[in-house]
Amino acid sequence: MRDAFHRDCPARVVLDHVASRWAVLVLTALRDGPLRFYELRTRIEGISEKMLSQTLRTLVGDGFVARTVVPATPPQVSYDLTPLGAGITESLRALFDWIRDHAEDILAAQERRGPGT
C-alpha cells in the first residue's frame, strides 16, 4: 500500500480530483440519480459552465461519473454515478453534511478571531 503523505503517491492526484469544492458538489448532486448538464448547473449555484465541464470531464475520466448520450435531436447527455463514484460519494456525504451543519459555527469563530489574526 502506498503512503499518501509521500509526494509521488498516486492517491494525491485522486485526492485533488475528488476533494475540490466543485467535485464534491457535483458528486453530491448526483447521489440521488442522473442529471443532465443544465440540471447540474442549476442545482450547483455559482458554478460556471466551463468549470462544470472541466469537473465532469475529470470525474468521468477517473471513473466516478458515467456520461450517457441518448441519440436524439439534439443529443441528450446525462451524468450518473458509477459504482466507484457511489462509493466515494457515500464517504463524502458525511463530510459534506458535517460542513453544511457547522458552517455557521465556523464562520462565527472566524469573525470572533478578527481580521489578520
PDB file of N, CA and C in Angstrom:
ATOM      1  N   MET A   1       0.848  -1.176   0.000  1.00  0.00           N
ATOM      2  CA  MET A   1       0.000   0.000   0.000  1.00  0.00           C
ATOM      3  C   MET A   1       0.893   1.239   0.000  1.00  0.00           C
ATOM      4  N   ARG A   2       0.522   2.219  -0.782  1.00  0.00           N
ATOM      5  CA  ARG A   2       1.308   3.444  -0.862  1.00  0.00           C
ATOM      6  C   ARG A   2       0.875   4.417   0.227  1.00  0.00           C
ATOM      7  N   ASP A   3       1.774   5.321   0.561  1.00  0.00           N
ATOM      8  CA  ASP A   3       1.544   6.297   1.615  1.00  0.00           C
ATOM      9  C   ASP A   3       1.191   7.640   0.979  1.00  0.00           C
ATOM     10  N   ALA A   4      -0.026   8.118   1.193  1.00  0.00           N
ATOM     11  CA  ALA A   4      -0.487   9.367   0.592  1.00  0.00           C
ATOM     12  C   ALA A   4       0.296  10.582   1.078  1.00  0.00           C
ATOM     13  N   PHE A   5       1.090  10.416   2.125  1.00  0.00           N
ATOM     14  CA  PHE A   5       1.912  11.525   2.593  1.00  0.00           C
ATOM     15  C   PHE A   5       3.167  11.700   1.736  1.00  0.00           C
ATOM     16  N   HIS A   6       3.481  10.713   0.913  1.00  0.00           N
ATOM     17  CA  HIS A   6       4.634  10.830   0.008  1.00  0.00           C
ATOM     18  C   HIS A   6       4.207  11.551  -1.257  1.00  0.00           C
ATOM     19  N   ARG A   7       5.061  12.422  -1.752  1.00  0.00           N
ATOM     20  CA  ARG A   7       4.698  13.267  -2.886  1.00  0.00           C
ATOM     21  C   ARG A   7       4.407  12.491  -4.166  1.00  0.00           C
ATOM     22  N   ASP A   8       4.971  11.302  -4.338  1.00  0.00           N
ATOM     23  CA  ASP A   8       4.775  10.535  -5.567  1.00  0.00           C
ATOM     24  C   ASP A   8       3.585   9.573  -5.512  1.00  0.00           C
ATOM     25  N   CYS A   9       2.855   9.598  -4.433  1.00  0.00           N
ATOM     26  CA  CYS A   9       1.728   8.666  -4.288  1.00  0.00           C
ATOM     27  C   CYS A   9       0.594   9.061  -5.239  1.00  0.00           C
ATOM     28  N   PRO A  10       0.109   8.112  -6.050  1.00  0.00           N
ATOM     29  CA  PRO A  10      -0.978   8.429  -6.979  1.00  0.00           C
ATOM     30  C   PRO A  10      -2.275   8.825  -6.274  1.00  0.00           C
ATOM     31  N   ALA A  11      -2.403   8.471  -5.008  1.00  0.00           N
ATOM     32  CA  ALA A  11      -3.607   8.860  -4.272  1.00  0.00           C
ATOM     33  C   ALA A  11      -3.744  10.372  -4.181  1.00  0.00           C
ATOM     34  N   ARG A  12      -2.631  11.084  -4.258  1.00  0.00           N
ATOM     35  CA  ARG A  12      -2.695  12.550  -4.202  1.00  0.00           C
ATOM     36  C   ARG A  12      -3.430  13.135  -5.402  1.00  0.00           C
ATOM     37  N   VAL A  13      -3.245  12.539  -6.563  1.00  0.00           N
ATOM     38  CA  VAL A  13      -3.943  13.021  -7.759  1.00  0.00           C
ATOM     39  C   VAL A  13      -5.445  12.811  -7.574  1.00  0.00           C
ATOM     40  N   VAL A  14      -5.807  11.628  -7.108  1.00  0.00           N
ATOM     41  CA  VAL A  14      -7.220  11.328  -6.877  1.00  0.00           C
ATOM     42  C   VAL A  14      -7.789  12.263  -5.820  1.00  0.00           C
ATOM     43  N   LEU A  15      -7.041  12.500  -4.762  1.00  0.00           N
ATOM     44  CA  LEU A  15      -7.481  13.410  -3.707  1.00  0.00           C
ATOM     45  C   LEU A  15      -7.726  14.806  -4.269  1.00  0.00           C
ATOM     46  N   ASP A  16      -6.831  15.281  -5.115  1.00  0.00           N
ATOM     47  CA  ASP A  16      -7.031  16.586  -5.747  1.00  0.00           C
ATOM     48  C   ASP A  16      -8.331  16.615  -6.544  1.00  0.00           C
ATOM     49  N   HIS A  17      -8.644  15.538  -7.221  1.00  0.00           N
ATOM     50  CA  HIS A  17      -9.838  15.496  -8.061  1.00  0.00           C
ATOM     51  C   HIS A  17     -11.117  15.441  -7.243  1.00  0.00           C
ATOM     52  N   VAL A  18     -11.184  14.582  -6.237  1.00  0.00           N
ATOM     53  CA  VAL A  18     -12.452  14.402  -5.514  1.00  0.00           C
ATOM     54  C   VAL A  18     -12.642  15.379  -4.368  1.00  0.00           C
ATOM     55  N   ALA A  19     -11.577  16.019  -3.915  1.00  0.00           N
ATOM     56  CA  ALA A  19     -11.702  16.910  -2.767  1.00  0.00           C
ATOM     57  C   ALA A  19     -11.869  18.372  -3.165  1.00  0.00           C
ATOM     58  N   SER A  20     -11.926  18.662  -4.441  1.00  0.00           N
ATOM     59  CA  SER A  20     -12.151  20.048  -4.845  1.00  0.00           C
ATOM     60  C   SER A  20     -13.597  20.417  -4.537  1.00  0.00           C
ATOM     61  N   ARG A  21     -13.831  21.693  -4.314  1.00  0.00           N
ATOM     62  CA  ARG A  21     -15.183  22.168  -3.988  1.00  0.00           C
ATOM     63  C   ARG A  21     -16.188  21.715  -5.032  1.00  0.00           C
ATOM     64  N   TRP A  22     -15.847  21.913  -6.317  1.00  0.00           N
ATOM     65  CA  TRP A  22     -16.816  21.606  -7.365  1.00  0.00           C
ATOM     66  C   TRP A  22     -17.047  20.105  -7.502  1.00  0.00           C
ATOM     67  N   ALA A  23     -16.000  19.304  -7.357  1.00  0.00           N
ATOM     68  CA  ALA A  23     -16.169  17.849  -7.463  1.00  0.00           C
ATOM     69  C   ALA A  23     -17.061  17.332  -6.350  1.00  0.00           C
ATOM     70  N   VAL A  24     -16.854  17.815  -5.128  1.00  0.00           N
ATOM     71  CA  VAL A  24     -17.696  17.387  -4.006  1.00  0.00           C
ATOM     72  C   VAL A  24     -19.160  17.743  -4.285  1.00  0.00           C
ATOM     73  N   LEU A  25     -19.397  18.942  -4.793  1.00  0.00           N
ATOM     74  CA  LEU A  25     -20.774  19.356  -5.071  1.00  0.00           C
ATOM     75  C   LEU A  25     -21.385  18.560  -6.222  1.00  0.00           C
ATOM     76  N   VAL A  26     -20.614  18.292  -7.268  1.00  0.00           N
ATOM     77  CA  VAL A  26     -21.129  17.501  -8.394  1.00  0.00           C
ATOM     78  C   VAL A  26     -21.445  16.079  -7.930  1.00  0.00           C
ATOM     79  N   LEU A  27     -20.514  15.446  -7.251  1.00  0.00           N
ATOM     80  CA  LEU A  27     -20.740  14.079  -6.785  1.00  0.00           C
ATOM     81  C   LEU A  27     -21.940  14.016  -5.840  1.00  0.00           C
ATOM     82  N   THR A  28     -22.052  14.984  -4.952  1.00  0.00           N
ATOM     83  CA  THR A  28     -23.170  15.001  -4.004  1.00  0.00           C
ATOM     84  C   THR A  28     -24.489  15.249  -4.728  1.00  0.00           C
ATOM     85  N   ALA A  29     -24.481  16.110  -5.735  1.00  0.00           N
ATOM     86  CA  ALA A  29     -25.703  16.371  -6.500  1.00  0.00           C
ATOM     87  C   ALA A  29     -26.170  15.124  -7.242  1.00  0.00           C
ATOM     88  N   LEU A  30     -25.229  14.285  -7.666  1.00  0.00           N
ATOM     89  CA  LEU A  30     -25.582  13.082  -8.432  1.00  0.00           C
ATOM     90  C   LEU A  30     -25.976  11.901  -7.550  1.00  0.00           C
ATOM     91  N   ARG A  31     -25.864  12.036  -6.249  1.00  0.00           N
ATOM     92  CA  ARG A  31     -26.139  10.882  -5.387  1.00  0.00           C
ATOM     93  C   ARG A  31     -27.599  10.433  -5.425  1.00  0.00           C
ATOM     94  N   ASP A  32     -28.498  11.312  -5.858  1.00  0.00           N
ATOM     95  CA  ASP A  32     -29.913  10.933  -5.925  1.00  0.00           C
ATOM     96  C   ASP A  32     -30.338  10.458  -7.304  1.00  0.00           C
ATOM     97  N   GLY A  33     -29.389  10.386  -8.238  1.00  0.00           N
ATOM     98  CA  GLY A  33     -29.723   9.884  -9.563  1.00  0.00           C
ATOM     99  C   GLY A  33     -29.155  10.757 -10.664  1.00  0.00           C
ATOM    100  N   PRO A  34     -29.325  10.317 -11.916  1.00  0.00           N
ATOM    101  CA  PRO A  34     -28.718  11.012 -13.045  1.00  0.00           C
ATOM    102  C   PRO A  34     -29.304  12.411 -13.247  1.00  0.00           C
ATOM    103  N   LEU A  35     -28.446  13.298 -13.743  1.00  0.00           N
ATOM    104  CA  LEU A  35     -28.854  14.657 -14.065  1.00  0.00           C
ATOM    105  C   LEU A  35     -28.221  15.060 -15.389  1.00  0.00           C
ATOM    106  N   ARG A  36     -28.904  15.923 -16.090  1.00  0.00           N
ATOM    107  CA  ARG A  36     -28.338  16.481 -17.315  1.00  0.00           C
ATOM    108  C   ARG A  36     -27.485  17.678 -16.947  1.00  0.00           C
ATOM    109  N   PHE A  37     -26.677  18.122 -17.894  1.00  0.00           N
ATOM    110  CA  PHE A  37     -25.720  19.210 -17.652  1.00  0.00           C
ATOM    111  C   PHE A  37     -26.422  20.439 -17.077  1.00  0.00           C
ATOM    112  N   TYR A  38     -27.501  20.870 -17.733  1.00  0.00           N
ATOM    113  CA  TYR A  38     -28.172  22.089 -17.285  1.00  0.00           C
ATOM    114  C   TYR A  38     -28.805  21.906 -15.901  1.00  0.00           C
ATOM    115  N   GLU A  39     -29.221  20.679 -15.579  1.00  0.00           N
ATOM    116  CA  GLU A  39     -29.776  20.417 -14.251  1.00  0.00           C
ATOM    117  C   GLU A  39     -28.691  20.530 -13.179  1.00  0.00           C
ATOM    118  N   LEU A  40     -27.502  20.032 -13.497  1.00  0.00           N
ATOM    119  CA  LEU A  40     -26.377  20.188 -12.573  1.00  0.00           C
ATOM    120  C   LEU A  40     -26.011  21.659 -12.406  1.00  0.00           C
ATOM    121  N   ARG A  41     -25.953  22.388 -13.501  1.00  0.00           N
ATOM    122  CA  ARG A  41     -25.607  23.813 -13.444  1.00  0.00           C
ATOM    123  C   ARG A  41     -26.622  24.588 -12.606  1.00  0.00           C
ATOM    124  N   THR A  42     -27.895  24.249 -12.748  1.00  0.00           N
ATOM    125  CA  THR A  42     -28.938  24.906 -11.957  1.00  0.00           C
ATOM    126  C   THR A  42     -28.841  24.514 -10.490  1.00  0.00           C
ATOM    127  N   ARG A  43     -28.586  23.247 -10.236  1.00  0.00           N
ATOM    128  CA  ARG A  43     -28.518  22.741  -8.858  1.00  0.00           C
ATOM    129  C   ARG A  43     -27.324  23.311  -8.097  1.00  0.00           C
ATOM    130  N   ILE A  44     -26.190  23.474  -8.777  1.00  0.00           N
ATOM    131  CA  ILE A  44     -24.960  23.949  -8.135  1.00  0.00           C
ATOM    132  C   ILE A  44     -24.794  25.431  -8.470  1.00  0.00           C
ATOM    133  N   GLU A  45     -25.426  26.262  -7.681  1.00  0.00           N
ATOM    134  CA  GLU A  45     -25.373  27.701  -7.927  1.00  0.00           C
ATOM    135  C   GLU A  45     -23.937  28.207  -7.874  1.00  0.00           C
ATOM    136  N   GLY A  46     -23.595  29.066  -8.825  1.00  0.00           N
ATOM    137  CA  GLY A  46     -22.283  29.697  -8.831  1.00  0.00           C
ATOM    138  C   GLY A  46     -21.235  28.991  -9.667  1.00  0.00           C
ATOM    139  N   ILE A  47     -21.513  27.792 -10.144  1.00  0.00           N
ATOM    140  CA  ILE A  47     -20.536  27.091 -10.976  1.00  0.00           C
ATOM    141  C   ILE A  47     -20.701  27.570 -12.420  1.00  0.00           C
ATOM    142  N   SER A  48     -19.585  27.895 -13.046  1.00  0.00           N
ATOM    143  CA  SER A  48     -19.642  28.316 -14.448  1.00  0.00           C
ATOM    144  C   SER A  48     -19.766  27.077 -15.340  1.00  0.00           C
ATOM    145  N   GLU A  49     -20.221  27.294 -16.555  1.00  0.00           N
ATOM    146  CA  GLU A  49     -20.313  26.180 -17.498  1.00  0.00           C
ATOM    147  C   GLU A  49     -18.937  25.570 -17.738  1.00  0.00           C
ATOM    148  N   LYS A  50     -17.929  26.424 -17.838  1.00  0.00           N
ATOM    149  CA  LYS A  50     -16.570  25.943 -18.073  1.00  0.00           C
ATOM    150  C   LYS A  50     -16.099  25.060 -16.918  1.00  0.00           C
ATOM    151  N   MET A  51     -16.321  25.507 -15.682  1.00  0.00           N
ATOM    152  CA  MET A  51     -15.869  24.735 -14.522  1.00  0.00           C
ATOM    153  C   MET A  51     -16.661  23.439 -14.392  1.00  0.00           C
ATOM    154  N   LEU A  52     -17.955  23.487 -14.679  1.00  0.00           N
ATOM    155  CA  LEU A  52     -18.758  22.267 -14.632  1.00  0.00           C
ATOM    156  C   LEU A  52     -18.268  21.278 -15.686  1.00  0.00           C
ATOM    157  N   SER A  53     -17.994  21.771 -16.888  1.00  0.00           N
ATOM    158  CA  SER A  53     -17.482  20.894 -17.953  1.00  0.00           C
ATOM    159  C   SER A  53     -16.157  20.255 -17.558  1.00  0.00           C
ATOM    160  N   GLN A  54     -15.240  21.060 -17.020  1.00  0.00           N
ATOM    161  CA  GLN A  54     -13.938  20.539 -16.600  1.00  0.00           C
ATOM    162  C   GLN A  54     -14.094  19.510 -15.481  1.00  0.00           C
ATOM    163  N   THR A  55     -14.937  19.812 -14.512  1.00  0.00           N
ATOM    164  CA  THR A  55     -15.130  18.905 -13.379  1.00  0.00           C
ATOM    165  C   THR A  55     -15.738  17.596 -13.843  1.00  0.00           C
ATOM    166  N   LEU A  56     -16.753  17.666 -14.694  1.00  0.00           N
ATOM    167  CA  LEU A  56     -17.370  16.444 -15.213  1.00  0.00           C
ATOM    168  C   LEU A  56     -16.375  15.633 -16.035  1.00  0.00           C
ATOM    169  N   ARG A  57     -15.587  16.299 -16.855  1.00  0.00           N
ATOM    170  CA  ARG A  57     -14.583  15.596 -17.669  1.00  0.00           C
ATOM    171  C   ARG A  57     -13.599  14.847 -16.766  1.00  0.00           C
ATOM    172  N   THR A  58     -13.160  15.492 -15.697  1.00  0.00           N
ATOM    173  CA  THR A  58     -12.228  14.857 -14.763  1.00  0.00           C
ATOM    174  C   THR A  58     -12.884  13.673 -14.067  1.00  0.00           C
ATOM    175  N   LEU A  59     -14.100  13.861 -13.573  1.00  0.00           N
ATOM    176  CA  LEU A  59     -14.787  12.789 -12.840  1.00  0.00           C
ATOM    177  C   LEU A  59     -15.143  11.612 -13.746  1.00  0.00           C
ATOM    178  N   VAL A  60     -15.476  11.889 -15.003  1.00  0.00           N
ATOM    179  CA  VAL A  60     -15.720  10.815 -15.973  1.00  0.00           C
ATOM    180  C   VAL A  60     -14.416  10.082 -16.245  1.00  0.00           C
ATOM    181  N   GLY A  61     -13.344  10.835 -16.451  1.00  0.00           N
ATOM    182  CA  GLY A  61     -12.030  10.239 -16.722  1.00  0.00           C
ATOM    183  C   GLY A  61     -11.524   9.384 -15.575  1.00  0.00           C
ATOM    184  N   ASP A  62     -11.866   9.764 -14.345  1.00  0.00           N
ATOM    185  CA  ASP A  62     -11.447   8.996 -13.167  1.00  0.00           C
ATOM    186  C   ASP A  62     -12.348   7.796 -12.890  1.00  0.00           C
ATOM    187  N   GLY A  63     -13.454   7.684 -13.624  1.00  0.00           N
ATOM    188  CA  GLY A  63     -14.356   6.555 -13.437  1.00  0.00           C
ATOM    189  C   GLY A  63     -15.385   6.747 -12.340  1.00  0.00           C
ATOM    190  N   PHE A  64     -15.536   7.977 -11.844  1.00  0.00           N
ATOM    191  CA  PHE A  64     -16.530   8.241 -10.796  1.00  0.00           C
ATOM    192  C   PHE A  64     -17.910   8.542 -11.368  1.00  0.00           C
ATOM    193  N   VAL A  65     -17.944   9.089 -12.577  1.00  0.00           N
ATOM    194  CA  VAL A  65     -19.191   9.511 -13.209  1.00  0.00           C
ATOM    195  C   VAL A  65     -19.276   8.889 -14.593  1.00  0.00           C
ATOM    196  N   ALA A  66     -20.477   8.438 -14.949  1.00  0.00           N
ATOM    197  CA  ALA A  66     -20.731   7.913 -16.294  1.00  0.00           C
ATOM    198  C   ALA A  66     -21.457   8.979 -17.095  1.00  0.00           C
ATOM    199  N   ARG A  67     -21.037   9.149 -18.328  1.00  0.00           N
ATOM    200  CA  ARG A  67     -21.674  10.092 -19.255  1.00  0.00           C
ATOM    201  C   ARG A  67     -22.447   9.269 -20.272  1.00  0.00           C
ATOM    202  N   THR A  68     -23.739   9.498 -20.340  1.00  0.00           N
ATOM    203  CA  THR A  68     -24.596   8.738 -21.244  1.00  0.00           C
ATOM    204  C   THR A  68     -25.206   9.683 -22.266  1.00  0.00           C
ATOM    205  N   VAL A  69     -25.047   9.331 -23.540  1.00  0.00           N
ATOM    206  CA  VAL A  69     -25.609  10.126 -24.624  1.00  0.00           C
ATOM    207  C   VAL A  69     -26.775   9.357 -25.226  1.00  0.00           C
ATOM    208  N   VAL A  70     -27.938   9.980 -25.231  1.00  0.00           N
ATOM    209  CA  VAL A  70     -29.117   9.397 -25.859  1.00  0.00           C
ATOM    210  C   VAL A  70     -29.250  10.031 -27.235  1.00  0.00           C
ATOM    211  N   PRO A  71     -29.203   9.199 -28.287  1.00  0.00           N
ATOM    212  CA  PRO A  71     -29.288   9.777 -29.628  1.00  0.00           C
ATOM    213  C   PRO A  71     -30.680  10.364 -29.858  1.00  0.00           C
ATOM    214  N   ALA A  72     -30.707  11.653 -29.963  1.00  0.00           N
ATOM    215  CA  ALA A  72     -31.936  12.398 -30.233  1.00  0.00           C
ATOM    216  C   ALA A  72     -31.518  13.671 -30.928  1.00  0.00           C
ATOM    217  N   THR A  73     -32.459  14.483 -31.267  1.00  0.00           N
ATOM    218  CA  THR A  73     -32.142  15.766 -31.871  1.00  0.00           C
ATOM    219  C   THR A  73     -32.706  16.851 -30.973  1.00  0.00           C
ATOM    220  N   PRO A  74     -31.882  17.604 -30.278  1.00  0.00           N
ATOM    221  CA  PRO A  74     -30.441  17.449 -30.121  1.00  0.00           C
ATOM    222  C   PRO A  74     -30.113  16.272 -29.206  1.00  0.00           C
ATOM    223  N   PRO A  75     -28.866  15.803 -29.209  1.00  0.00           N
ATOM    224  CA  PRO A  75     -28.497  14.683 -28.344  1.00  0.00           C
ATOM    225  C   PRO A  75     -28.730  15.037 -26.872  1.00  0.00           C
ATOM    226  N   GLN A  76     -29.177  14.060 -26.114  1.00  0.00           N
ATOM    227  CA  GLN A  76     -29.404  14.266 -24.686  1.00  0.00           C
ATOM    228  C   GLN A  76     -28.295  13.566 -23.916  1.00  0.00           C
ATOM    229  N   VAL A  77     -27.586  14.336 -23.105  1.00  0.00           N
ATOM    230  CA  VAL A  77     -26.464  13.812 -22.331  1.00  0.00           C
ATOM    231  C   VAL A  77     -26.834  13.882 -20.857  1.00  0.00           C
ATOM    232  N   SER A  78     -26.638  12.774 -20.159  1.00  0.00           N
ATOM    233  CA  SER A  78     -26.876  12.780 -18.712  1.00  0.00           C
ATOM    234  C   SER A  78     -25.646  12.215 -18.012  1.00  0.00           C
ATOM    235  N   TYR A  79     -25.555  12.530 -16.742  1.00  0.00           N
ATOM    236  CA  TYR A  79     -24.420  12.112 -15.915  1.00  0.00           C
ATOM    237  C   TYR A  79     -24.961  11.390 -14.705  1.00  0.00           C
ATOM    238  N   ASP A  80     -24.287  10.307 -14.334  1.00  0.00           N
ATOM    239  CA  ASP A  80     -24.715   9.498 -13.199  1.00  0.00           C
ATOM    240  C   ASP A  80     -23.477   8.925 -12.517  1.00  0.00           C
ATOM    241  N   LEU A  81     -23.616   8.585 -11.263  1.00  0.00           N
ATOM    242  CA  LEU A  81     -22.512   7.969 -10.538  1.00  0.00           C
ATOM    243  C   LEU A  81     -22.296   6.540 -11.009  1.00  0.00           C
ATOM    244  N   THR A  82     -21.050   6.155 -11.146  1.00  0.00           N
ATOM    245  CA  THR A  82     -20.694   4.757 -11.362  1.00  0.00           C
ATOM    246  C   THR A  82     -20.663   4.093  -9.980  1.00  0.00           C
ATOM    247  N   PRO A  83     -20.501   2.778  -9.898  1.00  0.00           N
ATOM    248  CA  PRO A  83     -20.337   2.156  -8.572  1.00  0.00           C
ATOM    249  C   PRO A  83     -19.150   2.751  -7.802  1.00  0.00           C
ATOM    250  N   LEU A  84     -18.068   3.059  -8.504  1.00  0.00           N
ATOM    251  CA  LEU A  84     -16.912   3.693  -7.867  1.00  0.00           C
ATOM    252  C   LEU A  84     -17.300   5.077  -7.326  1.00  0.00           C
ATOM    253  N   GLY A  85     -18.033   5.825  -8.130  1.00  0.00           N
ATOM    254  CA  GLY A  85     -18.491   7.148  -7.718  1.00  0.00           C
ATOM    255  C   GLY A  85     -19.458   7.088  -6.557  1.00  0.00           C
ATOM    256  N   ALA A  86     -20.342   6.084  -6.566  1.00  0.00           N
ATOM    257  CA  ALA A  86     -21.284   5.932  -5.451  1.00  0.00           C
ATOM    258  C   ALA A  86     -20.532   5.641  -4.157  1.00  0.00           C
ATOM    259  N   GLY A  87     -19.460   4.864  -4.253  1.00  0.00           N
ATOM    260  CA  GLY A  87     -18.669   4.542  -3.067  1.00  0.00           C
ATOM    261  C   GLY A  87     -17.998   5.762  -2.472  1.00  0.00           C
ATOM    262  N   ILE A  88     -17.354   6.577  -3.317  1.00  0.00           N
ATOM    263  CA  ILE A  88     -16.687   7.773  -2.793  1.00  0.00           C
ATOM    264  C   ILE A  88     -17.709   8.788  -2.312  1.00  0.00           C
ATOM    265  N   THR A  89     -18.859   8.856  -2.985  1.00  0.00           N
ATOM    266  CA  THR A  89     -19.876   9.823  -2.588  1.00  0.00           C
ATOM    267  C   THR A  89     -20.473   9.469  -1.232  1.00  0.00           C
ATOM    268  N   GLU A  90     -20.591   8.197  -0.955  1.00  0.00           N
ATOM    269  CA  GLU A  90     -21.081   7.788   0.368  1.00  0.00           C
ATOM    270  C   GLU A  90     -20.121   8.277   1.449  1.00  0.00           C
ATOM    271  N   SER A  91     -18.829   8.181   1.183  1.00  0.00           N
ATOM    272  CA  SER A  91     -17.843   8.674   2.139  1.00  0.00           C
ATOM    273  C   SER A  91     -17.870  10.197   2.227  1.00  0.00           C
ATOM    274  N   LEU A  92     -18.041  10.863   1.094  1.00  0.00           N
ATOM    275  CA  LEU A  92     -18.090  12.325   1.081  1.00  0.00           C
ATOM    276  C   LEU A  92     -19.345  12.867   1.751  1.00  0.00           C
ATOM    277  N   ARG A  93     -20.402  12.068   1.740  1.00  0.00           N
ATOM    278  CA  ARG A  93     -21.685  12.525   2.292  1.00  0.00           C
ATOM    279  C   ARG A  93     -21.535  12.972   3.742  1.00  0.00           C
ATOM    280  N   ALA A  94     -20.856  12.205   4.553  1.00  0.00           N
ATOM    281  CA  ALA A  94     -20.689  12.561   5.963  1.00  0.00           C
ATOM    282  C   ALA A  94     -19.907  13.868   6.087  1.00  0.00           C
ATOM    283  N   LEU A  95     -18.847  14.021   5.318  1.00  0.00           N
ATOM    284  CA  LEU A  95     -18.060  15.256   5.342  1.00  0.00           C
ATOM    285  C   LEU A  95     -18.903  16.436   4.871  1.00  0.00           C
ATOM    286  N   PHE A  96     -19.609  16.282   3.764  1.00  0.00           N
ATOM    287  CA  PHE A  96     -20.462  17.329   3.212  1.00  0.00           C
ATOM    288  C   PHE A  96     -21.527  17.746   4.222  1.00  0.00           C
ATOM    289  N   ASP A  97     -22.201  16.772   4.815  1.00  0.00           N
ATOM    290  CA  ASP A  97     -23.252  17.074   5.786  1.00  0.00           C
ATOM    291  C   ASP A  97     -22.682  17.766   7.019  1.00  0.00           C
ATOM    292  N   TRP A  98     -21.512  17.320   7.483  1.00  0.00           N
ATOM    293  CA  TRP A  98     -20.896  17.939   8.656  1.00  0.00           C
ATOM    294  C   TRP A  98     -20.552  19.401   8.365  1.00  0.00           C
ATOM    295  N   ILE A  99     -19.955  19.664   7.215  1.00  0.00           N
ATOM    296  CA  ILE A  99     -19.596  21.039   6.850  1.00  0.00           C
ATOM    297  C   ILE A  99     -20.845  21.899   6.758  1.00  0.00           C
ATOM    298  N   ARG A 100     -21.869  21.395   6.104  1.00  0.00           N
ATOM    299  CA  ARG A 100     -23.128  22.144   5.976  1.00  0.00           C
ATOM    300  C   ARG A 100     -23.701  22.464   7.345  1.00  0.00           C
ATOM    301  N   ASP A 101     -23.693  21.485   8.243  1.00  0.00           N
ATOM    302  CA  ASP A 101     -24.290  21.663   9.567  1.00  0.00           C
ATOM    303  C   ASP A 101     -23.480  22.576  10.476  1.00  0.00           C
ATOM    304  N   HIS A 102     -22.181  22.734  10.229  1.00  0.00           N
ATOM    305  CA  HIS A 102     -21.317  23.511  11.116  1.00  0.00           C
ATOM    306  C   HIS A 102     -20.744  24.777  10.482  1.00  0.00           C
ATOM    307  N   ALA A 103     -21.133  25.087   9.268  1.00  0.00           N
ATOM    308  CA  ALA A 103     -20.570  26.250   8.563  1.00  0.00           C
ATOM    309  C   ALA A 103     -20.793  27.545   9.335  1.00  0.00           C
ATOM    310  N   GLU A 104     -21.983  27.730   9.889  1.00  0.00           N
ATOM    311  CA  GLU A 104     -22.256  28.971  10.632  1.00  0.00           C
ATOM    312  C   GLU A 104     -21.379  29.081  11.868  1.00  0.00           C
ATOM    313  N   ASP A 105     -21.155  27.971  12.570  1.00  0.00           N
ATOM    314  CA  ASP A 105     -20.274  27.987  13.750  1.00  0.00           C
ATOM    315  C   ASP A 105     -18.850  28.357  13.355  1.00  0.00           C
ATOM    316  N   ILE A 106     -18.394  27.830  12.243  1.00  0.00           N
ATOM    317  CA  ILE A 106     -17.032  28.098  11.778  1.00  0.00           C
ATOM    318  C   ILE A 106     -16.894  29.563  11.364  1.00  0.00           C
ATOM    319  N   LEU A 107     -17.888  30.068  10.635  1.00  0.00           N
ATOM    320  CA  LEU A 107     -17.843  31.475  10.233  1.00  0.00           C
ATOM    321  C   LEU A 107     -17.900  32.396  11.448  1.00  0.00           C
ATOM    322  N   ALA A 108     -18.684  32.027  12.458  1.00  0.00           N
ATOM    323  CA  ALA A 108     -18.743  32.827  13.689  1.00  0.00           C
ATOM    324  C   ALA A 108     -17.392  32.823  14.399  1.00  0.00           C
ATOM    325  N   ALA A 109     -16.716  31.692  14.432  1.00  0.00           N
ATOM    326  CA  ALA A 109     -15.392  31.608  15.048  1.00  0.00           C
ATOM    327  C   ALA A 109     -14.392  32.480  14.280  1.00  0.00           C
ATOM    328  N   GLN A 110     -14.496  32.491  12.965  1.00  0.00           N
ATOM    329  CA  GLN A 110     -13.614  33.335  12.162  1.00  0.00           C
ATOM    330  C   GLN A 110     -13.862  34.808  12.450  1.00  0.00           C
ATOM    331  N   GLU A 111     -15.130  35.187  12.613  1.00  0.00           N
ATOM    332  CA  GLU A 111     -15.446  36.578  12.950  1.00  0.00           C
ATOM    333  C   GLU A 111     -14.905  36.975  14.304  1.00  0.00           C
ATOM    334  N   ARG A 112     -15.028  36.095  15.278  1.00  0.00           N
ATOM    335  CA  ARG A 112     -14.511  36.375  16.638  1.00  0.00           C
ATOM    336  C   ARG A 112     -12.993  36.536  16.616  1.00  0.00           C
ATOM    337  N   ARG A 113     -12.346  35.782  15.774  1.00  0.00           N
ATOM    338  CA  ARG A 113     -10.902  35.857  15.669  1.00  0.00           C
ATOM    339  C   ARG A 113     -10.459  37.202  15.120  1.00  0.00           C
ATOM    340  N   GLY A 114     -11.224  37.746  14.211  1.00  0.00           N
ATOM    341  CA  GLY A 114     -10.918  39.052  13.638  1.00  0.00           C
ATOM    342  C   GLY A 114      -9.969  38.961  12.464  1.00  0.00           C
ATOM    343  N   PRO A 115      -9.882  40.037  11.710  1.00  0.00           N
ATOM    344  CA  PRO A 115      -9.027  40.039  10.510  1.00  0.00           C
ATOM    345  C   PRO A 115      -7.540  40.041  10.877  1.00  0.00           C
ATOM    346  N   GLY A 116      -6.777  39.309  10.087  1.00  0.00           N
ATOM    347  CA  GLY A 116      -5.316  39.321  10.222  1.00  0.00           C
ATOM    348  C   GLY A 116      -4.760  38.572  11.410  1.00  0.00           C
ATOM    349  N   THR A 117      -5.593  37.790  12.093  1.00  0.00           N
ATOM    350  CA  THR A 117      -5.055  37.032  13.239  1.00  0.00           C
ATOM    351  C   THR A 117      -5.146  35.564  12.987  1.00  0.00           C
TER     352      THR A 117
END
